[in-house]
């Protein structure tokens, strides 16, 4: 399952979610996407997951700079 930027923006803009809950939801989305990748996944599917993960990490960076920078550095390796 791939999440669109629209869905991700919606979750990170919820007023009723605490910052911790927003970060947890973002990391959960990444975990689900990565769990659905397998040996039969195409290169395009893998690149899409990385692109979406980077987008989520940028949202996390707006909430928690230290965590966001750490995650962004890790994905760029």
N, C-alpha and C. Protein backbone atom coordinates (compact mmCIF):
# COMPACT_ATOMS: atom_id res chain seq x y z
N UNK A 1 0.84 -1.18 0.00
CA UNK A 1 0.00 0.00 0.00
C UNK A 1 0.88 1.24 0.00
N UNK A 2 0.59 2.13 -0.91
CA UNK A 2 1.32 3.39 -0.98
C UNK A 2 0.40 4.53 -0.54
N UNK A 3 0.94 5.39 0.28
CA UNK A 3 0.18 6.52 0.77
C UNK A 3 0.46 7.73 -0.11
N UNK A 4 -0.58 8.49 -0.42
CA UNK A 4 -0.40 9.70 -1.22
C UNK A 4 0.02 10.85 -0.32
N UNK A 5 0.61 11.86 -0.93
CA UNK A 5 1.02 13.04 -0.17
C UNK A 5 -0.19 13.71 0.48
N UNK A 6 -1.33 13.61 -0.18
CA UNK A 6 -2.57 14.20 0.36
C UNK A 6 -2.96 13.55 1.68
N UNK A 7 -2.87 12.22 1.75
CA UNK A 7 -3.20 11.50 2.98
C UNK A 7 -2.20 11.84 4.08
N UNK A 8 -0.93 11.88 3.71
CA UNK A 8 0.12 12.19 4.69
C UNK A 8 -0.06 13.60 5.24
N UNK A 9 -0.32 14.57 4.35
CA UNK A 9 -0.56 15.95 4.80
C UNK A 9 -1.75 16.02 5.74
N UNK A 10 -2.79 15.28 5.42
CA UNK A 10 -3.99 15.29 6.25
C UNK A 10 -3.69 14.80 7.67
N UNK A 11 -2.94 13.72 7.76
CA UNK A 11 -2.61 13.17 9.08
C UNK A 11 -1.74 14.14 9.88
N UNK A 12 -0.74 14.74 9.23
CA UNK A 12 0.16 15.64 9.96
C UNK A 12 -0.48 16.99 10.26
N UNK A 13 -1.65 17.26 9.70
CA UNK A 13 -2.35 18.52 9.98
C UNK A 13 -3.52 18.35 10.95
N UNK A 14 -3.74 17.12 11.43
CA UNK A 14 -4.80 16.91 12.42
C UNK A 14 -4.54 17.77 13.65
N UNK A 15 -5.53 18.50 14.06
CA UNK A 15 -5.40 19.34 15.26
C UNK A 15 -5.55 18.52 16.53
N UNK A 16 -6.29 17.41 16.45
CA UNK A 16 -6.56 16.61 17.64
C UNK A 16 -5.44 15.63 17.95
N UNK A 17 -4.50 15.43 17.02
CA UNK A 17 -3.38 14.52 17.25
C UNK A 17 -2.25 15.27 17.94
N UNK A 18 -1.66 14.64 18.93
CA UNK A 18 -0.46 15.21 19.56
C UNK A 18 0.71 15.01 18.60
N UNK A 19 1.78 15.71 18.84
CA UNK A 19 2.96 15.56 17.99
C UNK A 19 3.48 14.13 18.01
N UNK A 20 3.44 13.50 19.17
CA UNK A 20 3.89 12.11 19.29
C UNK A 20 3.03 11.20 18.44
N UNK A 21 1.73 11.41 18.46
CA UNK A 21 0.82 10.57 17.70
C UNK A 21 1.02 10.77 16.19
N UNK A 22 1.32 11.99 15.78
CA UNK A 22 1.59 12.26 14.36
C UNK A 22 2.86 11.53 13.92
N UNK A 23 3.91 11.60 14.74
CA UNK A 23 5.15 10.91 14.41
C UNK A 23 4.93 9.40 14.37
N UNK A 24 4.21 8.88 15.36
CA UNK A 24 3.92 7.44 15.39
C UNK A 24 3.13 7.00 14.16
N UNK A 25 2.17 7.81 13.75
CA UNK A 25 1.36 7.48 12.57
C UNK A 25 2.23 7.48 11.31
N UNK A 26 3.11 8.45 11.21
CA UNK A 26 4.02 8.51 10.06
C UNK A 26 4.95 7.31 10.00
N UNK A 27 5.54 6.95 11.13
CA UNK A 27 6.43 5.79 11.18
C UNK A 27 5.67 4.49 10.92
N UNK A 28 4.43 4.43 11.37
CA UNK A 28 3.61 3.25 11.10
C UNK A 28 3.34 3.10 9.61
N UNK A 29 3.06 4.22 8.93
CA UNK A 29 2.84 4.17 7.49
C UNK A 29 4.08 3.63 6.77
N UNK A 30 5.25 4.10 7.19
CA UNK A 30 6.49 3.64 6.57
C UNK A 30 6.69 2.14 6.83
N UNK A 31 6.42 1.70 8.05
CA UNK A 31 6.57 0.29 8.38
C UNK A 31 5.65 -0.58 7.53
N UNK A 32 4.42 -0.13 7.32
CA UNK A 32 3.48 -0.88 6.49
C UNK A 32 3.97 -0.95 5.05
N UNK A 33 4.42 0.18 4.52
CA UNK A 33 4.90 0.19 3.13
C UNK A 33 6.11 -0.72 2.96
N UNK A 34 7.05 -0.67 3.90
CA UNK A 34 8.26 -1.49 3.79
C UNK A 34 7.95 -2.97 4.00
N UNK A 35 6.98 -3.27 4.85
CA UNK A 35 6.59 -4.67 5.07
C UNK A 35 5.96 -5.27 3.83
N UNK A 36 5.33 -4.44 3.03
CA UNK A 36 4.67 -4.93 1.80
C UNK A 36 5.64 -5.08 0.63
N UNK A 37 6.88 -4.61 0.79
CA UNK A 37 7.88 -4.82 -0.25
C UNK A 37 8.41 -6.25 -0.13
N UNK A 38 8.66 -6.85 -1.26
CA UNK A 38 9.20 -8.20 -1.25
C UNK A 38 10.19 -8.38 -2.37
N UNK A 39 10.63 -9.61 -2.56
CA UNK A 39 11.60 -9.86 -3.62
C UNK A 39 10.99 -9.69 -5.00
N UNK A 40 9.67 -9.73 -5.07
CA UNK A 40 9.00 -9.57 -6.36
C UNK A 40 8.63 -8.10 -6.64
N UNK A 41 8.99 -7.20 -5.74
CA UNK A 41 8.69 -5.78 -5.95
C UNK A 41 9.58 -5.20 -7.03
N UNK A 42 9.00 -4.35 -7.84
CA UNK A 42 9.77 -3.73 -8.91
C UNK A 42 10.63 -2.60 -8.35
N UNK A 43 11.58 -2.17 -9.15
CA UNK A 43 12.45 -1.06 -8.75
C UNK A 43 11.63 0.21 -8.55
N UNK A 44 10.61 0.40 -9.39
CA UNK A 44 9.75 1.58 -9.27
C UNK A 44 8.99 1.57 -7.95
N UNK A 45 8.51 0.41 -7.53
CA UNK A 45 7.79 0.31 -6.25
C UNK A 45 8.72 0.64 -5.09
N UNK A 46 9.94 0.13 -5.15
CA UNK A 46 10.91 0.40 -4.08
C UNK A 46 11.27 1.89 -4.03
N UNK A 47 11.45 2.49 -5.20
CA UNK A 47 11.77 3.92 -5.25
C UNK A 47 10.61 4.77 -4.74
N UNK A 48 9.38 4.34 -5.00
CA UNK A 48 8.20 5.07 -4.53
C UNK A 48 8.12 5.03 -3.00
N UNK A 49 8.45 3.89 -2.41
CA UNK A 49 8.45 3.78 -0.95
C UNK A 49 9.51 4.70 -0.35
N UNK A 50 10.68 4.76 -0.96
CA UNK A 50 11.74 5.65 -0.47
C UNK A 50 11.31 7.11 -0.60
N UNK A 51 10.70 7.45 -1.72
CA UNK A 51 10.25 8.82 -1.95
C UNK A 51 9.18 9.21 -0.91
N UNK A 52 8.24 8.31 -0.68
CA UNK A 52 7.17 8.58 0.29
C UNK A 52 7.74 8.65 1.71
N UNK A 53 8.69 7.78 2.02
CA UNK A 53 9.33 7.80 3.34
C UNK A 53 10.03 9.13 3.57
N UNK A 54 10.74 9.60 2.55
CA UNK A 54 11.44 10.89 2.66
C UNK A 54 10.44 12.02 2.93
N UNK A 55 9.29 11.96 2.26
CA UNK A 55 8.24 12.98 2.45
C UNK A 55 7.73 12.96 3.89
N UNK A 56 7.52 11.76 4.42
CA UNK A 56 7.06 11.63 5.81
C UNK A 56 8.14 12.14 6.76
N UNK A 57 9.41 11.79 6.49
CA UNK A 57 10.50 12.24 7.35
C UNK A 57 10.60 13.76 7.37
N UNK A 58 10.32 14.41 6.26
CA UNK A 58 10.34 15.87 6.23
C UNK A 58 9.25 16.45 7.13
N UNK A 59 8.10 15.79 7.17
CA UNK A 59 7.03 16.22 8.08
C UNK A 59 7.46 16.01 9.54
N UNK A 60 8.10 14.88 9.80
CA UNK A 60 8.59 14.60 11.16
C UNK A 60 9.64 15.63 11.54
N UNK A 61 10.47 16.03 10.59
CA UNK A 61 11.51 17.03 10.84
C UNK A 61 10.92 18.36 11.30
N UNK A 62 9.73 18.70 10.81
CA UNK A 62 9.06 19.94 11.23
C UNK A 62 8.62 19.88 12.69
N UNK A 63 8.35 18.67 13.17
CA UNK A 63 7.88 18.48 14.55
C UNK A 63 9.06 18.29 15.50
N UNK A 64 9.97 17.40 15.13
CA UNK A 64 11.13 17.07 15.97
C UNK A 64 12.37 17.11 15.08
N UNK A 65 13.12 18.19 15.17
CA UNK A 65 14.25 18.43 14.26
C UNK A 65 15.32 17.35 14.41
N UNK A 66 15.66 16.99 15.63
CA UNK A 66 16.72 16.00 15.83
C UNK A 66 16.34 14.65 15.23
N UNK A 67 15.15 14.18 15.52
CA UNK A 67 14.68 12.91 14.98
C UNK A 67 14.56 12.98 13.46
N UNK A 68 14.01 14.06 12.95
CA UNK A 68 13.83 14.22 11.52
C UNK A 68 15.14 14.20 10.76
N UNK A 69 16.14 14.93 11.27
CA UNK A 69 17.45 14.96 10.62
C UNK A 69 18.09 13.58 10.63
N UNK A 70 17.96 12.89 11.75
CA UNK A 70 18.52 11.55 11.87
C UNK A 70 17.88 10.60 10.86
N UNK A 71 16.57 10.65 10.74
CA UNK A 71 15.88 9.78 9.80
C UNK A 71 16.22 10.12 8.35
N UNK A 72 16.29 11.41 8.03
CA UNK A 72 16.63 11.82 6.67
C UNK A 72 18.06 11.42 6.30
N UNK A 73 18.97 11.53 7.26
CA UNK A 73 20.35 11.11 6.99
C UNK A 73 20.40 9.61 6.72
N UNK A 74 19.64 8.86 7.48
CA UNK A 74 19.65 7.40 7.34
C UNK A 74 19.10 6.96 5.98
N UNK A 75 18.04 7.58 5.52
CA UNK A 75 17.43 7.16 4.26
C UNK A 75 18.29 7.54 3.06
N UNK A 76 19.13 8.54 3.19
CA UNK A 76 19.97 8.98 2.08
C UNK A 76 21.22 8.12 1.91
N UNK A 77 21.43 7.16 2.83
CA UNK A 77 22.62 6.28 2.72
C UNK A 77 22.42 5.26 1.64
